[in-house]
All heavy atoms as atom14 arrays in JSON, in Angstrom:
{
  "sequence": "EHSLVDPDNRRPVDYSLRRTLLAKLTGAGVGAGLAEALALGPEGG",
  "atom14_mask": [
    [1, 1, 1, 1, 1, 1, 1, 1, 1, 0, 0, 0, 0, 0],
    [1, 1, 1, 1, 1, 1, 1, 1, 1, 1, 0, 0, 0, 0],
    [1, 1, 1, 1, 1, 1, 0, 0, 0, 0, 0, 0, 0, 0],
    [1, 1, 1, 1, 1, 1, 1, 1, 0, 0, 0, 0, 0, 0],
    [1, 1, 1, 1, 1, 1, 1, 0, 0, 0, 0, 0, 0, 0],
    [1, 1, 1, 1, 1, 1, 1, 1, 0, 0, 0, 0, 0, 0],
    [1, 1, 1, 1, 1, 1, 1, 0, 0, 0, 0, 0, 0, 0],
    [1, 1, 1, 1, 1, 1, 1, 1, 0, 0, 0, 0, 0, 0],
    [1, 1, 1, 1, 1, 1, 1, 1, 0, 0, 0, 0, 0, 0],
    [1, 1, 1, 1, 1, 1, 1, 1, 1, 1, 1, 0, 0, 0],
    [1, 1, 1, 1, 1, 1, 1, 1, 1, 1, 1, 0, 0, 0],
    [1, 1, 1, 1, 1, 1, 1, 0, 0, 0, 0, 0, 0, 0],
    [1, 1, 1, 1, 1, 1, 1, 0, 0, 0, 0, 0, 0, 0],
    [1, 1, 1, 1, 1, 1, 1, 1, 0, 0, 0, 0, 0, 0],
    [1, 1, 1, 1, 1, 1, 1, 1, 1, 1, 1, 1, 0, 0],
    [1, 1, 1, 1, 1, 1, 0, 0, 0, 0, 0, 0, 0, 0],
    [1, 1, 1, 1, 1, 1, 1, 1, 0, 0, 0, 0, 0, 0],
    [1, 1, 1, 1, 1, 1, 1, 1, 1, 1, 1, 0, 0, 0],
    [1, 1, 1, 1, 1, 1, 1, 1, 1, 1, 1, 0, 0, 0],
    [1, 1, 1, 1, 1, 1, 1, 0, 0, 0, 0, 0, 0, 0],
    [1, 1, 1, 1, 1, 1, 1, 1, 0, 0, 0, 0, 0, 0],
    [1, 1, 1, 1, 1, 1, 1, 1, 0, 0, 0, 0, 0, 0],
    [1, 1, 1, 1, 1, 0, 0, 0, 0, 0, 0, 0, 0, 0],
    [1, 1, 1, 1, 1, 1, 1, 1, 1, 0, 0, 0, 0, 0],
    [1, 1, 1, 1, 1, 1, 1, 1, 0, 0, 0, 0, 0, 0],
    [1, 1, 1, 1, 1, 1, 1, 0, 0, 0, 0, 0, 0, 0],
    [1, 1, 1, 1, 0, 0, 0, 0, 0, 0, 0, 0, 0, 0],
    [1, 1, 1, 1, 1, 0, 0, 0, 0, 0, 0, 0, 0, 0],
    [1, 1, 1, 1, 0, 0, 0, 0, 0, 0, 0, 0, 0, 0],
    [1, 1, 1, 1, 1, 1, 1, 0, 0, 0, 0, 0, 0, 0],
    [1, 1, 1, 1, 0, 0, 0, 0, 0, 0, 0, 0, 0, 0],
    [1, 1, 1, 1, 1, 0, 0, 0, 0, 0, 0, 0, 0, 0],
    [1, 1, 1, 1, 0, 0, 0, 0, 0, 0, 0, 0, 0, 0],
    [1, 1, 1, 1, 1, 1, 1, 1, 0, 0, 0, 0, 0, 0],
    [1, 1, 1, 1, 1, 0, 0, 0, 0, 0, 0, 0, 0, 0],
    [1, 1, 1, 1, 1, 1, 1, 1, 1, 0, 0, 0, 0, 0],
    [1, 1, 1, 1, 1, 0, 0, 0, 0, 0, 0, 0, 0, 0],
    [1, 1, 1, 1, 1, 1, 1, 1, 0, 0, 0, 0, 0, 0],
    [1, 1, 1, 1, 1, 0, 0, 0, 0, 0, 0, 0, 0, 0],
    [1, 1, 1, 1, 1, 1, 1, 1, 0, 0, 0, 0, 0, 0],
    [1, 1, 1, 1, 0, 0, 0, 0, 0, 0, 0, 0, 0, 0],
    [1, 1, 1, 1, 1, 1, 1, 0, 0, 0, 0, 0, 0, 0],
    [1, 1, 1, 1, 1, 1, 1, 1, 1, 0, 0, 0, 0, 0],
    [1, 1, 1, 1, 0, 0, 0, 0, 0, 0, 0, 0, 0, 0],
    [1, 1, 1, 1, 0, 0, 0, 0, 0, 0, 0, 0, 0, 0]
  ],
  "atom14_positions": [
    [[8.03, -4.65, -0.99], [8.11, -5.97, -1.6], [9.2, -6.79, -0.9], [10.37, -6.43, -0.93], [8.44, -5.82, -3.1], [8.56, -7.11, -3.84], [7.34, -8.0, -3.69], [6.2, -7.51, -3.77], [7.54, -9.21, -3.49], [0.0, 0.0, 0.0], [0.0, 0.0, 0.0], [0.0, 0.0, 0.0], [0.0, 0.0, 0.0], [0.0, 0.0, 0.0]],
    [[8.78, -7.88, -0.26], [9.71, -8.7, 0.52], [10.0, -10.05, -0.12], [10.56, -10.93, 0.52], [9.17, -8.9, 1.94], [8.97, -7.6, 2.67], [7.82, -7.28, 3.33], [9.79, -6.54, 2.81], [7.93, -6.08, 3.86], [9.12, -5.62, 3.56], [0.0, 0.0, 0.0], [0.0, 0.0, 0.0], [0.0, 0.0, 0.0], [0.0, 0.0, 0.0]],
    [[9.62, -10.22, -1.37], [9.87, -11.51, -2.02], [11.21, -11.46, -2.75], [11.78, -10.39, -2.99], [8.75, -11.83, -3.01], [8.71, -10.88, -4.04], [0.0, 0.0, 0.0], [0.0, 0.0, 0.0], [0.0, 0.0, 0.0], [0.0, 0.0, 0.0], [0.0, 0.0, 0.0], [0.0, 0.0, 0.0], [0.0, 0.0, 0.0], [0.0, 0.0, 0.0]],
    [[11.69, -12.62, -3.12], [12.9, -12.73, -3.91], [12.5, -12.72, -5.39], [11.36, -12.42, -5.73], [13.64, -14.01, -3.53], [14.03, -14.12, -2.04], [14.61, -15.48, -1.74], [14.99, -13.01, -1.66], [0.0, 0.0, 0.0], [0.0, 0.0, 0.0], [0.0, 0.0, 0.0], [0.0, 0.0, 0.0], [0.0, 0.0, 0.0], [0.0, 0.0, 0.0]],
    [[13.43, -13.05, -6.28], [13.11, -13.08, -7.71], [12.36, -14.37, -8.04], [12.04, -15.16, -7.16], [14.39, -12.93, -8.55], [15.01, -11.57, -8.33], [15.4, -14.03, -8.22], [0.0, 0.0, 0.0], [0.0, 0.0, 0.0], [0.0, 0.0, 0.0], [0.0, 0.0, 0.0], [0.0, 0.0, 0.0], [0.0, 0.0, 0.0], [0.0, 0.0, 0.0]],
    [[12.09, -14.57, -9.34], [11.32, -15.75, -9.78], [11.84, -17.03, -9.12], [13.04, -17.22, -9.03], [11.45, -15.92, -11.29], [10.52, -15.0, -12.06], [9.55, -14.51, -11.46], [10.77, -14.78, -13.25], [0.0, 0.0, 0.0], [0.0, 0.0, 0.0], [0.0, 0.0, 0.0], [0.0, 0.0, 0.0], [0.0, 0.0, 0.0], [0.0, 0.0, 0.0]],
    [[10.93, -17.88, -8.68], [9.47, -17.78, -8.76], [8.83, -17.16, -7.5], [7.62, -17.06, -7.42], [9.04, -19.24, -8.9], [10.05, -19.97, -8.05], [11.36, -19.22, -8.22], [0.0, 0.0, 0.0], [0.0, 0.0, 0.0], [0.0, 0.0, 0.0], [0.0, 0.0, 0.0], [0.0, 0.0, 0.0], [0.0, 0.0, 0.0], [0.0, 0.0, 0.0]],
    [[9.67, -16.73, -6.55], [9.12, -16.23, -5.28], [8.25, -15.0, -5.47], [7.3, -14.78, -4.73], [10.28, -15.93, -4.31], [9.8, -15.65, -2.9], [8.95, -16.42, -2.4], [10.24, -14.66, -2.31], [0.0, 0.0, 0.0], [0.0, 0.0, 0.0], [0.0, 0.0, 0.0], [0.0, 0.0, 0.0], [0.0, 0.0, 0.0], [0.0, 0.0, 0.0]],
    [[8.57, -14.17, -6.47], [7.81, -12.93, -6.66], [6.52, -13.14, -7.46], [5.87, -12.17, -7.82], [8.68, -11.87, -7.34], [9.17, -12.29, -8.7], [8.85, -13.37, -9.19], [9.96, -11.43, -9.33], [0.0, 0.0, 0.0], [0.0, 0.0, 0.0], [0.0, 0.0, 0.0], [0.0, 0.0, 0.0], [0.0, 0.0, 0.0], [0.0, 0.0, 0.0]],
    [[6.15, -14.38, -7.71], [4.91, -14.65, -8.46], [3.74, -14.97, -7.54], [2.79, -15.64, -7.94], [5.15, -15.8, -9.44], [6.15, -15.44, -10.52], [6.36, -16.56, -11.49], [7.33, -16.18, -12.49], [7.1, -16.23, -13.8], [5.93, -16.65, -14.24], [8.03, -15.88, -14.65], [0.0, 0.0, 0.0], [0.0, 0.0, 0.0], [0.0, 0.0, 0.0]],
    [[3.8, -14.49, -6.33], [2.68, -14.72, -5.4], [1.45, -13.96, -5.88], [1.57, -12.93, -6.56], [3.06, -14.18, -4.01], [4.31, -14.81, -3.43], [4.72, -14.09, -2.16], [6.01, -14.56, -1.69], [6.65, -14.04, -0.66], [6.14, -13.02, -0.01], [7.81, -14.52, -0.29], [0.0, 0.0, 0.0], [0.0, 0.0, 0.0], [0.0, 0.0, 0.0]],
    [[0.25, -14.43, -5.52], [-0.96, -13.69, -5.89], [-0.94, -12.29, -5.27], [-0.49, -12.1, -4.14], [-2.09, -14.54, -5.29], [-1.5, -15.89, -5.11], [-0.04, -15.68, -4.82], [0.0, 0.0, 0.0], [0.0, 0.0, 0.0], [0.0, 0.0, 0.0], [0.0, 0.0, 0.0], [0.0, 0.0, 0.0], [0.0, 0.0, 0.0], [0.0, 0.0, 0.0]],
    [[-1.4, -11.3, -6.02], [-1.44, -9.91, -5.55], [-2.74, -9.67, -4.82], [-3.81, -10.01, -5.31], [-1.31, -8.94, -6.74], [-1.41, -7.5, -6.25], [0.0, -9.17, -7.48], [0.0, 0.0, 0.0], [0.0, 0.0, 0.0], [0.0, 0.0, 0.0], [0.0, 0.0, 0.0], [0.0, 0.0, 0.0], [0.0, 0.0, 0.0], [0.0, 0.0, 0.0]],
    [[-2.65, -9.07, -3.63], [-3.84, -8.74, -2.84], [-4.35, -7.37, -3.3], [-4.03, -6.34, -2.73], [-3.49, -8.72, -1.35], [-4.71, -8.58, -0.47], [-5.77, -8.16, -0.98], [-4.6, -8.84, 0.74], [0.0, 0.0, 0.0], [0.0, 0.0, 0.0], [0.0, 0.0, 0.0], [0.0, 0.0, 0.0], [0.0, 0.0, 0.0], [0.0, 0.0, 0.0]],
    [[-5.17, -7.38, -4.36], [-5.68, -6.13, -4.91], [-6.66, -5.45, -3.95], [-6.75, -4.23, -3.9], [-6.35, -6.38, -6.27], [-5.37, -6.76, -7.34], [-5.32, -8.06, -7.83], [-4.49, -5.82, -7.86], [-4.41, -8.41, -8.82], [-3.57, -6.17, -8.84], [-3.54, -7.46, -9.31], [-2.63, -7.81, -10.28], [0.0, 0.0, 0.0], [0.0, 0.0, 0.0]],
    [[-7.39, -6.24, -3.2], [-8.34, -5.67, -2.24], [-7.62, -4.82, -1.2], [-8.06, -3.71, -0.87], [-9.12, -6.8, -1.56], [-10.0, -6.27, -0.59], [0.0, 0.0, 0.0], [0.0, 0.0, 0.0], [0.0, 0.0, 0.0], [0.0, 0.0, 0.0], [0.0, 0.0, 0.0], [0.0, 0.0, 0.0], [0.0, 0.0, 0.0], [0.0, 0.0, 0.0]],
    [[-6.5, -5.32, -0.69], [-5.7, -4.55, 0.26], [-5.22, -3.25, -0.36], [-5.31, -2.18, 0.25], [-4.5, -5.37, 0.73], [-3.46, -4.62, 1.57], [-4.06, -4.14, 2.89], [-2.24, -5.51, 1.8], [0.0, 0.0, 0.0], [0.0, 0.0, 0.0], [0.0, 0.0, 0.0], [0.0, 0.0, 0.0], [0.0, 0.0, 0.0], [0.0, 0.0, 0.0]],
    [[-4.74, -3.31, -1.58], [-4.24, -2.11, -2.25], [-5.35, -1.1, -2.49], [-5.14, 0.1, -2.32], [-3.53, -2.49, -3.56], [-2.15, -3.07, -3.29], [-1.67, -4.02, -4.37], [-0.33, -4.51, -4.06], [-0.07, -5.46, -3.17], [-1.06, -6.03, -2.46], [1.16, -5.85, -2.93], [0.0, 0.0, 0.0], [0.0, 0.0, 0.0], [0.0, 0.0, 0.0]],
    [[-6.54, -1.56, -2.88], [-7.67, -0.64, -3.07], [-8.05, 0.02, -1.75], [-8.31, 1.23, -1.7], [-8.87, -1.4, -3.64], [-8.81, -1.61, -5.14], [-10.14, -2.1, -5.69], [-10.45, -3.44, -5.24], [-10.06, -4.55, -5.86], [-9.34, -4.48, -6.94], [-10.39, -5.74, -5.39], [0.0, 0.0, 0.0], [0.0, 0.0, 0.0], [0.0, 0.0, 0.0]],
    [[-8.07, -0.75, -0.66], [-8.43, -0.21, 0.65], [-7.42, 0.84, 1.1], [-7.79, 1.93, 1.56], [-8.51, -1.34, 1.69], [-9.51, -2.27, 1.28], [-8.84, -0.8, 3.07], [0.0, 0.0, 0.0], [0.0, 0.0, 0.0], [0.0, 0.0, 0.0], [0.0, 0.0, 0.0], [0.0, 0.0, 0.0], [0.0, 0.0, 0.0], [0.0, 0.0, 0.0]],
    [[-6.13, 0.53, 0.99], [-5.1, 1.48, 1.39], [-5.13, 2.73, 0.52], [-5.0, 3.85, 1.03], [-3.72, 0.83, 1.33], [-3.44, -0.28, 2.33], [-2.06, -0.89, 2.08], [-3.54, 0.23, 3.76], [0.0, 0.0, 0.0], [0.0, 0.0, 0.0], [0.0, 0.0, 0.0], [0.0, 0.0, 0.0], [0.0, 0.0, 0.0], [0.0, 0.0, 0.0]],
    [[-5.3, 2.57, -0.78], [-5.33, 3.71, -1.68], [-6.51, 4.62, -1.37], [-6.38, 5.85, -1.4], [-5.39, 3.25, -3.13], [-5.25, 4.33, -4.2], [-3.93, 5.08, -4.05], [-5.38, 3.73, -5.59], [0.0, 0.0, 0.0], [0.0, 0.0, 0.0], [0.0, 0.0, 0.0], [0.0, 0.0, 0.0], [0.0, 0.0, 0.0], [0.0, 0.0, 0.0]],
    [[-7.65, 4.04, -1.03], [-8.82, 4.85, -0.66], [-8.54, 5.69, 0.58], [-8.96, 6.84, 0.69], [-10.04, 3.95, -0.44], [0.0, 0.0, 0.0], [0.0, 0.0, 0.0], [0.0, 0.0, 0.0], [0.0, 0.0, 0.0], [0.0, 0.0, 0.0], [0.0, 0.0, 0.0], [0.0, 0.0, 0.0], [0.0, 0.0, 0.0], [0.0, 0.0, 0.0]],
    [[-7.79, 5.12, 1.53], [-7.43, 5.87, 2.74], [-6.52, 7.05, 2.41], [-6.62, 8.11, 3.02], [-6.73, 4.96, 3.75], [-7.62, 3.96, 4.43], [-6.84, 3.12, 5.42], [-7.72, 2.11, 6.12], [-6.96, 1.28, 7.08], [0.0, 0.0, 0.0], [0.0, 0.0, 0.0], [0.0, 0.0, 0.0], [0.0, 0.0, 0.0], [0.0, 0.0, 0.0]],
    [[-5.63, 6.86, 1.45], [-4.65, 7.9, 1.13], [-5.24, 9.01, 0.28], [-4.8, 10.15, 0.36], [-3.47, 7.29, 0.37], [-2.69, 6.17, 1.05], [-1.49, 5.78, 0.2], [-2.25, 6.57, 2.44], [0.0, 0.0, 0.0], [0.0, 0.0, 0.0], [0.0, 0.0, 0.0], [0.0, 0.0, 0.0], [0.0, 0.0, 0.0], [0.0, 0.0, 0.0]],
    [[-6.21, 8.69, -0.56], [-6.7, 9.66, -1.53], [-8.02, 10.29, -1.15], [-8.56, 11.07, -1.92], [-6.84, 9.0, -2.92], [-7.76, 7.9, -2.82], [-5.5, 8.49, -3.42], [0.0, 0.0, 0.0], [0.0, 0.0, 0.0], [0.0, 0.0, 0.0], [0.0, 0.0, 0.0], [0.0, 0.0, 0.0], [0.0, 0.0, 0.0], [0.0, 0.0, 0.0]],
    [[-8.53, 10.01, 0.02], [-9.83, 10.54, 0.44], [-9.81, 12.02, 0.77], [-10.85, 12.66, 0.82], [0.0, 0.0, 0.0], [0.0, 0.0, 0.0], [0.0, 0.0, 0.0], [0.0, 0.0, 0.0], [0.0, 0.0, 0.0], [0.0, 0.0, 0.0], [0.0, 0.0, 0.0], [0.0, 0.0, 0.0], [0.0, 0.0, 0.0], [0.0, 0.0, 0.0]],
    [[-8.64, 12.61, 1.01], [-8.55, 14.03, 1.38], [-7.44, 14.67, 0.55], [-6.96, 14.1, -0.42], [-8.27, 14.15, 2.88], [0.0, 0.0, 0.0], [0.0, 0.0, 0.0], [0.0, 0.0, 0.0], [0.0, 0.0, 0.0], [0.0, 0.0, 0.0], [0.0, 0.0, 0.0], [0.0, 0.0, 0.0], [0.0, 0.0, 0.0], [0.0, 0.0, 0.0]],
    [[-7.01, 15.85, 0.96], [-5.96, 16.58, 0.24], [-4.58, 15.98, 0.44], [-4.41, 14.95, 1.09], [0.0, 0.0, 0.0], [0.0, 0.0, 0.0], [0.0, 0.0, 0.0], [0.0, 0.0, 0.0], [0.0, 0.0, 0.0], [0.0, 0.0, 0.0], [0.0, 0.0, 0.0], [0.0, 0.0, 0.0], [0.0, 0.0, 0.0], [0.0, 0.0, 0.0]],
    [[-3.58, 16.69, -0.09], [-2.2, 16.21, -0.05], [-1.72, 16.04, 1.38], [-1.13, 15.03, 1.73], [-1.27, 17.17, -0.83], [0.19, 16.79, -0.65], [-1.64, 17.18, -2.3], [0.0, 0.0, 0.0], [0.0, 0.0, 0.0], [0.0, 0.0, 0.0], [0.0, 0.0, 0.0], [0.0, 0.0, 0.0], [0.0, 0.0, 0.0], [0.0, 0.0, 0.0]],
    [[-1.97, 17.03, 2.24], [-1.51, 16.96, 3.63], [-2.07, 15.76, 4.37], [-1.33, 15.02, 5.03], [0.0, 0.0, 0.0], [0.0, 0.0, 0.0], [0.0, 0.0, 0.0], [0.0, 0.0, 0.0], [0.0, 0.0, 0.0], [0.0, 0.0, 0.0], [0.0, 0.0, 0.0], [0.0, 0.0, 0.0], [0.0, 0.0, 0.0], [0.0, 0.0, 0.0]],
    [[-3.37, 15.55, 4.25], [-4.01, 14.43, 4.94], [-3.56, 13.1, 4.33], [-3.35, 12.12, 5.05], [-5.53, 14.56, 4.87], [0.0, 0.0, 0.0], [0.0, 0.0, 0.0], [0.0, 0.0, 0.0], [0.0, 0.0, 0.0], [0.0, 0.0, 0.0], [0.0, 0.0, 0.0], [0.0, 0.0, 0.0], [0.0, 0.0, 0.0], [0.0, 0.0, 0.0]],
    [[-3.39, 13.06, 3.01], [-2.93, 11.84, 2.35], [-1.53, 11.45, 2.78], [-1.25, 10.29, 3.05], [0.0, 0.0, 0.0], [0.0, 0.0, 0.0], [0.0, 0.0, 0.0], [0.0, 0.0, 0.0], [0.0, 0.0, 0.0], [0.0, 0.0, 0.0], [0.0, 0.0, 0.0], [0.0, 0.0, 0.0], [0.0, 0.0, 0.0], [0.0, 0.0, 0.0]],
    [[-0.65, 12.45, 2.89], [0.71, 12.19, 3.34], [0.71, 11.68, 4.77], [1.41, 10.71, 5.09], [1.56, 13.45, 3.23], [2.96, 13.36, 3.82], [3.79, 12.3, 3.11], [3.65, 14.72, 3.77], [0.0, 0.0, 0.0], [0.0, 0.0, 0.0], [0.0, 0.0, 0.0], [0.0, 0.0, 0.0], [0.0, 0.0, 0.0], [0.0, 0.0, 0.0]],
    [[-0.05, 12.32, 5.64], [-0.11, 11.89, 7.04], [-0.6, 10.45, 7.14], [-0.06, 9.65, 7.92], [-1.02, 12.83, 7.83], [0.0, 0.0, 0.0], [0.0, 0.0, 0.0], [0.0, 0.0, 0.0], [0.0, 0.0, 0.0], [0.0, 0.0, 0.0], [0.0, 0.0, 0.0], [0.0, 0.0, 0.0], [0.0, 0.0, 0.0], [0.0, 0.0, 0.0]],
    [[-1.61, 10.11, 6.36], [-2.13, 8.74, 6.36], [-1.08, 7.76, 5.83], [-0.9, 6.67, 6.37], [-3.4, 8.66, 5.51], [-4.13, 7.34, 5.59], [-4.75, 7.05, 6.95], [-5.24, 7.98, 7.61], [-4.72, 5.87, 7.36], [0.0, 0.0, 0.0], [0.0, 0.0, 0.0], [0.0, 0.0, 0.0], [0.0, 0.0, 0.0], [0.0, 0.0, 0.0]],
    [[-0.37, 8.17, 4.77], [0.66, 7.31, 4.2], [1.76, 7.02, 5.21], [2.2, 5.88, 5.36], [1.26, 7.97, 2.95], [0.0, 0.0, 0.0], [0.0, 0.0, 0.0], [0.0, 0.0, 0.0], [0.0, 0.0, 0.0], [0.0, 0.0, 0.0], [0.0, 0.0, 0.0], [0.0, 0.0, 0.0], [0.0, 0.0, 0.0], [0.0, 0.0, 0.0]],
    [[2.19, 8.04, 5.92], [3.24, 7.85, 6.93], [2.75, 6.99, 8.09], [3.5, 6.18, 8.64], [3.75, 9.21, 7.43], [4.46, 10.06, 6.36], [4.8, 11.43, 6.92], [5.69, 9.36, 5.81], [0.0, 0.0, 0.0], [0.0, 0.0, 0.0], [0.0, 0.0, 0.0], [0.0, 0.0, 0.0], [0.0, 0.0, 0.0], [0.0, 0.0, 0.0]],
    [[1.47, 7.16, 8.44], [0.9, 6.34, 9.52], [0.82, 4.87, 9.11], [0.86, 3.98, 9.96], [-0.49, 6.86, 9.9], [0.0, 0.0, 0.0], [0.0, 0.0, 0.0], [0.0, 0.0, 0.0], [0.0, 0.0, 0.0], [0.0, 0.0, 0.0], [0.0, 0.0, 0.0], [0.0, 0.0, 0.0], [0.0, 0.0, 0.0], [0.0, 0.0, 0.0]],
    [[0.72, 4.63, 7.82], [0.65, 3.26, 7.3], [2.02, 2.77, 6.84], [2.13, 1.96, 5.93], [-0.35, 3.2, 6.13], [-1.81, 3.42, 6.47], [-2.65, 3.62, 5.21], [-2.34, 2.28, 7.31], [0.0, 0.0, 0.0], [0.0, 0.0, 0.0], [0.0, 0.0, 0.0], [0.0, 0.0, 0.0], [0.0, 0.0, 0.0], [0.0, 0.0, 0.0]],
    [[3.07, 3.27, 7.47], [4.44, 2.91, 7.1], [4.71, 1.43, 7.01], [5.2, 0.93, 5.98], [0.0, 0.0, 0.0], [0.0, 0.0, 0.0], [0.0, 0.0, 0.0], [0.0, 0.0, 0.0], [0.0, 0.0, 0.0], [0.0, 0.0, 0.0], [0.0, 0.0, 0.0], [0.0, 0.0, 0.0], [0.0, 0.0, 0.0], [0.0, 0.0, 0.0]],
    [[4.4, 0.65, 8.05], [4.68, -0.79, 7.98], [3.91, -1.52, 6.87], [4.39, -2.51, 6.33], [4.24, -1.3, 9.36], [4.33, -0.1, 10.25], [3.95, 1.06, 9.38], [0.0, 0.0, 0.0], [0.0, 0.0, 0.0], [0.0, 0.0, 0.0], [0.0, 0.0, 0.0], [0.0, 0.0, 0.0], [0.0, 0.0, 0.0], [0.0, 0.0, 0.0]],
    [[2.73, -1.02, 6.52], [1.93, -1.66, 5.47], [2.38, -1.28, 4.07], [1.91, -1.85, 3.08], [0.44, -1.29, 5.64], [-0.21, -1.89, 6.87], [-0.02, -1.01, 8.12], [0.73, -0.02, 8.05], [-0.61, -1.35, 9.16], [0.0, 0.0, 0.0], [0.0, 0.0, 0.0], [0.0, 0.0, 0.0], [0.0, 0.0, 0.0], [0.0, 0.0, 0.0]],
    [[3.22, -0.26, 3.94], [3.66, 0.18, 2.62], [3.01, 1.47, 2.17], [3.1, 1.83, 1.0], [0.0, 0.0, 0.0], [0.0, 0.0, 0.0], [0.0, 0.0, 0.0], [0.0, 0.0, 0.0], [0.0, 0.0, 0.0], [0.0, 0.0, 0.0], [0.0, 0.0, 0.0], [0.0, 0.0, 0.0], [0.0, 0.0, 0.0], [0.0, 0.0, 0.0]],
    [[2.35, 2.18, 3.09], [1.68, 3.43, 2.74], [2.56, 4.44, 2.02], [2.14, 5.04, 1.02], [0.0, 0.0, 0.0], [0.0, 0.0, 0.0], [0.0, 0.0, 0.0], [0.0, 0.0, 0.0], [0.0, 0.0, 0.0], [0.0, 0.0, 0.0], [0.0, 0.0, 0.0], [0.0, 0.0, 0.0], [0.0, 0.0, 0.0], [0.0, 0.0, 0.0]]
  ]
}
């Protein structure tokens, strides 16, 4: 989260992005999910 406090943190939430990233992380077991999360470091994985 790179926003400041109110009202800067009231930006619209990109739920589509979060669903896409979550699907990448949860598609396999713990090891594969962790590896994917670390690979998506800049995105917030």
